[in-house]
Amino acid sequence: MKKVIYALILPLVVVSGLVFANREIKNETSKKSTPRPLSAAEMKAARKRWEATPDGIMYKKWEASPEGKKVLAGAAKIRKHTSASTNMEAVVTSLSLPPGSRLGFGVMARINGEDYILSFGLENSNEFQQLHSLKVNDKIIVRSHSVSYAPKYSYPIVSGDYVERDSIIIYKRAPRKGGC
């Protein structure tokens, strides 16, 4: 009887030991795979390295040029509105984007006396159908969550989240699925 009990307990001990050993190995690999965030000094060093590259040098020259200063000033002018996602009055100035732009569907708009690229993203099936009804000189209300810029473009780029014309919503960006 004693031998039978030992024969049953021995495999149980071996199997449980293997299970615990395997669990510890998985925990160790998951700890190693998560990179730690960069410190401020590391980010500053990475930026310095990038500024020494040809792209970084070109960007710094653009930033110091009159065109770059104009674009940066325009972006700063509406940054308060974009960070709070508040309404901005705009007038559509062109129904097409500058030649060579790869921003998807968008229009040119004047907000507070400055020209901006109002970009909505890659054109999907019916998502922008009501936006196609916009005409030059239409007065619209725009909300955005971000303004960006690039040396390739002579205007700041406003990503459109919400557009209203004559108190009628003609576009509202759908929230991201599976995100926060």
Protein backbone atom coordinates (compact mmCIF):
# COMPACT_ATOMS: atom_id res chain seq x y z
CA MET A 1 0.00 0.00 0.00
CA LYS A 2 2.86 2.31 0.87
CA LYS A 3 4.44 1.75 -2.56
CA VAL A 4 1.18 2.63 -4.34
CA ILE A 5 0.87 5.93 -2.42
CA TYR A 6 4.50 6.81 -3.23
CA ALA A 7 3.88 5.88 -6.87
CA LEU A 8 0.92 8.29 -7.03
CA ILE A 9 2.55 11.16 -5.13
CA LEU A 10 5.86 11.07 -7.04
CA PRO A 11 4.34 11.96 -10.48
CA LEU A 12 2.21 14.62 -8.80
CA VAL A 13 5.32 16.29 -7.31
CA VAL A 14 7.20 16.09 -10.61
CA VAL A 15 4.33 17.60 -12.63
CA SER A 16 3.72 20.41 -10.13
CA GLY A 17 7.44 21.23 -10.13
CA LEU A 18 7.42 21.50 -13.92
CA VAL A 19 4.35 23.74 -13.88
CA PHE A 20 5.90 26.15 -11.36
CA ALA A 21 9.23 26.17 -13.20
CA ASN A 22 7.48 26.97 -16.50
CA ARG A 23 5.51 29.80 -14.84
CA GLU A 24 8.70 31.43 -13.55
CA ILE A 25 10.29 31.29 -16.98
CA LYS A 26 7.26 33.02 -18.54
CA ASN A 27 7.31 35.75 -15.87
CA GLU A 28 11.01 36.43 -16.49
CA THR A 29 10.55 36.80 -20.25
CA SER A 30 7.60 39.20 -19.85
CA LYS A 31 9.63 41.41 -17.51
CA LYS A 32 12.46 41.63 -20.02
CA SER A 33 10.21 42.49 -23.00
CA THR A 34 8.79 45.74 -21.59
CA PRO A 35 11.14 48.60 -22.40
CA ARG A 36 11.47 51.31 -19.82
CA PRO A 37 10.56 54.85 -20.85
CA LEU A 38 13.38 57.18 -21.79
CA SER A 39 14.50 59.72 -19.23
CA ALA A 40 14.62 63.41 -20.05
CA ALA A 41 18.40 63.28 -20.50
CA GLU A 42 18.13 60.32 -22.88
CA MET A 43 15.42 62.06 -24.93
CA LYS A 44 17.56 65.21 -25.12
CA ALA A 45 20.57 63.17 -26.27
CA ALA A 46 18.45 61.38 -28.91
CA ARG A 47 17.15 64.73 -30.18
CA LYS A 48 20.73 66.08 -30.41
CA ARG A 49 21.75 62.99 -32.44
CA TRP A 50 18.76 63.48 -34.76
CA GLU A 51 19.53 67.19 -35.23
CA ALA A 52 22.99 66.20 -36.49
CA THR A 53 21.49 64.02 -39.26
CA PRO A 54 20.76 65.53 -42.72
CA ASP A 55 17.00 65.49 -42.01
CA GLY A 56 17.54 67.24 -38.68
CA ILE A 57 19.75 69.91 -40.27
CA MET A 58 17.17 70.51 -43.01
CA TYR A 59 14.38 70.81 -40.41
CA LYS A 60 16.35 73.30 -38.30
CA LYS A 61 17.01 75.43 -41.42
CA TRP A 62 13.29 75.35 -42.29
CA GLU A 63 12.38 76.24 -38.71
CA ALA A 64 14.65 79.34 -38.86
CA SER A 65 13.45 80.41 -42.33
CA PRO A 66 10.71 83.05 -42.72
CA GLU A 67 8.33 80.41 -44.13
CA GLY A 68 8.97 78.11 -41.18
CA LYS A 69 8.47 80.92 -38.68
CA LYS A 70 5.15 81.81 -40.36
CA VAL A 71 3.94 78.20 -40.16
CA LEU A 72 5.02 77.82 -36.52
CA ALA A 73 3.36 81.13 -35.58
CA GLY A 74 0.12 80.00 -37.27
CA ALA A 75 0.19 76.72 -35.37
CA ALA A 76 0.81 78.53 -32.08
CA LYS A 77 -2.07 80.91 -32.81
CA ILE A 78 -4.71 78.15 -32.57
CA ARG A 79 -2.94 75.75 -30.20
CA LYS A 80 -5.14 76.91 -27.28
CA HIS A 81 -8.27 76.01 -29.26
CA THR A 82 -6.94 72.62 -30.36
CA SER A 83 -5.73 71.58 -26.91
CA ALA A 84 -9.16 72.38 -25.45
CA SER A 85 -10.98 71.14 -28.58
CA THR A 86 -13.13 74.28 -28.71
CA ASN A 87 -15.03 75.73 -31.67
CA MET A 88 -13.12 77.78 -34.24
CA GLU A 89 -14.82 79.82 -36.95
CA ALA A 90 -13.36 79.17 -40.38
CA VAL A 91 -13.98 80.14 -43.99
CA VAL A 92 -13.29 77.63 -46.76
CA THR A 93 -10.76 79.17 -49.16
CA SER A 94 -10.06 76.21 -51.46
CA LEU A 95 -11.59 72.79 -52.01
CA SER A 96 -8.26 71.21 -52.90
CA LEU A 97 -5.03 70.78 -50.99
CA PRO A 98 -1.67 72.15 -52.20
CA PRO A 99 -0.14 70.22 -55.12
CA GLY A 100 1.82 67.14 -54.11
CA SER A 101 0.21 66.79 -50.69
CA ARG A 102 -0.37 63.30 -49.34
CA LEU A 103 -2.76 64.10 -46.51
CA GLY A 104 -5.85 62.41 -47.95
CA PHE A 105 -9.07 64.38 -48.13
CA GLY A 106 -9.00 67.98 -46.97
CA VAL A 107 -9.72 71.62 -47.75
CA MET A 108 -7.96 74.91 -47.22
CA ALA A 109 -9.54 77.16 -44.59
CA ARG A 110 -8.88 80.57 -43.07
CA ILE A 111 -9.08 80.68 -39.27
CA ASN A 112 -8.43 83.97 -37.42
CA GLY A 113 -6.93 85.52 -40.56
CA GLU A 114 -4.44 82.68 -41.18
CA ASP A 115 -4.62 79.96 -43.84
CA TYR A 116 -4.59 76.31 -42.69
CA ILE A 117 -4.82 72.90 -44.27
CA LEU A 118 -7.92 71.26 -42.80
CA SER A 119 -7.17 67.55 -43.16
CA PHE A 120 -9.62 64.75 -42.48
CA GLY A 121 -7.56 61.68 -43.36
CA LEU A 122 -7.65 59.06 -46.05
CA GLU A 123 -10.86 59.13 -48.01
CA ASN A 124 -13.19 56.28 -47.10
CA SER A 125 -16.44 55.23 -48.75
CA ASN A 126 -19.17 57.54 -47.42
CA GLU A 127 -17.45 59.10 -44.44
CA PHE A 128 -16.75 62.43 -46.15
CA GLN A 129 -19.81 62.57 -48.40
CA GLN A 130 -21.34 65.63 -46.69
CA LEU A 131 -17.97 67.42 -46.70
CA HIS A 132 -17.98 67.25 -50.51
CA SER A 133 -20.94 69.67 -50.40
CA LEU A 134 -18.68 72.46 -49.06
CA LYS A 135 -18.13 75.45 -51.33
CA VAL A 136 -15.53 78.21 -51.37
CA ASN A 137 -16.42 81.01 -48.90
CA ASP A 138 -18.64 78.72 -46.78
CA LYS A 139 -18.49 79.66 -43.11
CA ILE A 140 -17.97 76.60 -40.92
CA ILE A 141 -17.32 75.78 -37.28
CA VAL A 142 -14.34 73.46 -36.78
CA ARG A 143 -13.09 71.49 -33.78
CA SER A 144 -9.74 69.78 -33.74
CA HIS A 145 -7.54 67.92 -31.30
CA SER A 146 -4.22 68.66 -32.97
CA VAL A 147 -2.31 71.01 -35.21
CA SER A 148 0.89 69.89 -36.91
CA TYR A 149 3.36 71.14 -39.47
CA ALA A 150 5.99 69.85 -41.83
CA PRO A 151 8.67 71.51 -43.98
CA LYS A 152 6.92 70.13 -47.07
CA TYR A 153 3.82 72.30 -46.49
CA SER A 154 3.56 76.10 -46.36
CA TYR A 155 0.60 75.96 -43.98
CA PRO A 156 -0.08 74.41 -40.56
CA ILE A 157 -2.12 71.19 -40.76
CA VAL A 158 -5.28 71.03 -38.63
CA SER A 159 -6.81 67.57 -38.27
CA GLY A 160 -10.58 68.00 -38.48
CA ASP A 161 -12.62 66.21 -35.84
CA TYR A 162 -15.91 68.09 -36.17
CA VAL A 163 -17.35 70.39 -38.84
CA GLU A 164 -20.60 72.30 -38.64
CA ARG A 165 -22.21 74.53 -41.30
CA ASP A 166 -25.35 76.59 -40.62
CA SER A 167 -25.81 74.83 -37.24
CA ILE A 168 -25.90 71.43 -38.98
CA ILE A 169 -23.20 68.88 -38.24
CA ILE A 170 -21.72 67.75 -41.56
CA TYR A 171 -18.80 65.75 -40.18
CA LYS A 172 -17.89 64.19 -36.86
CA ARG A 173 -14.90 61.88 -36.54
CA ALA A 174 -15.84 58.45 -35.23
CA PRO A 175 -14.05 57.53 -31.98
CA ARG A 176 -11.28 54.96 -32.26
CA LYS A 177 -12.28 51.40 -31.59
CA GLY A 178 -10.50 49.48 -28.87
CA GLY A 179 -8.68 52.55 -27.53
CA CYS A 180 -9.00 54.67 -24.44
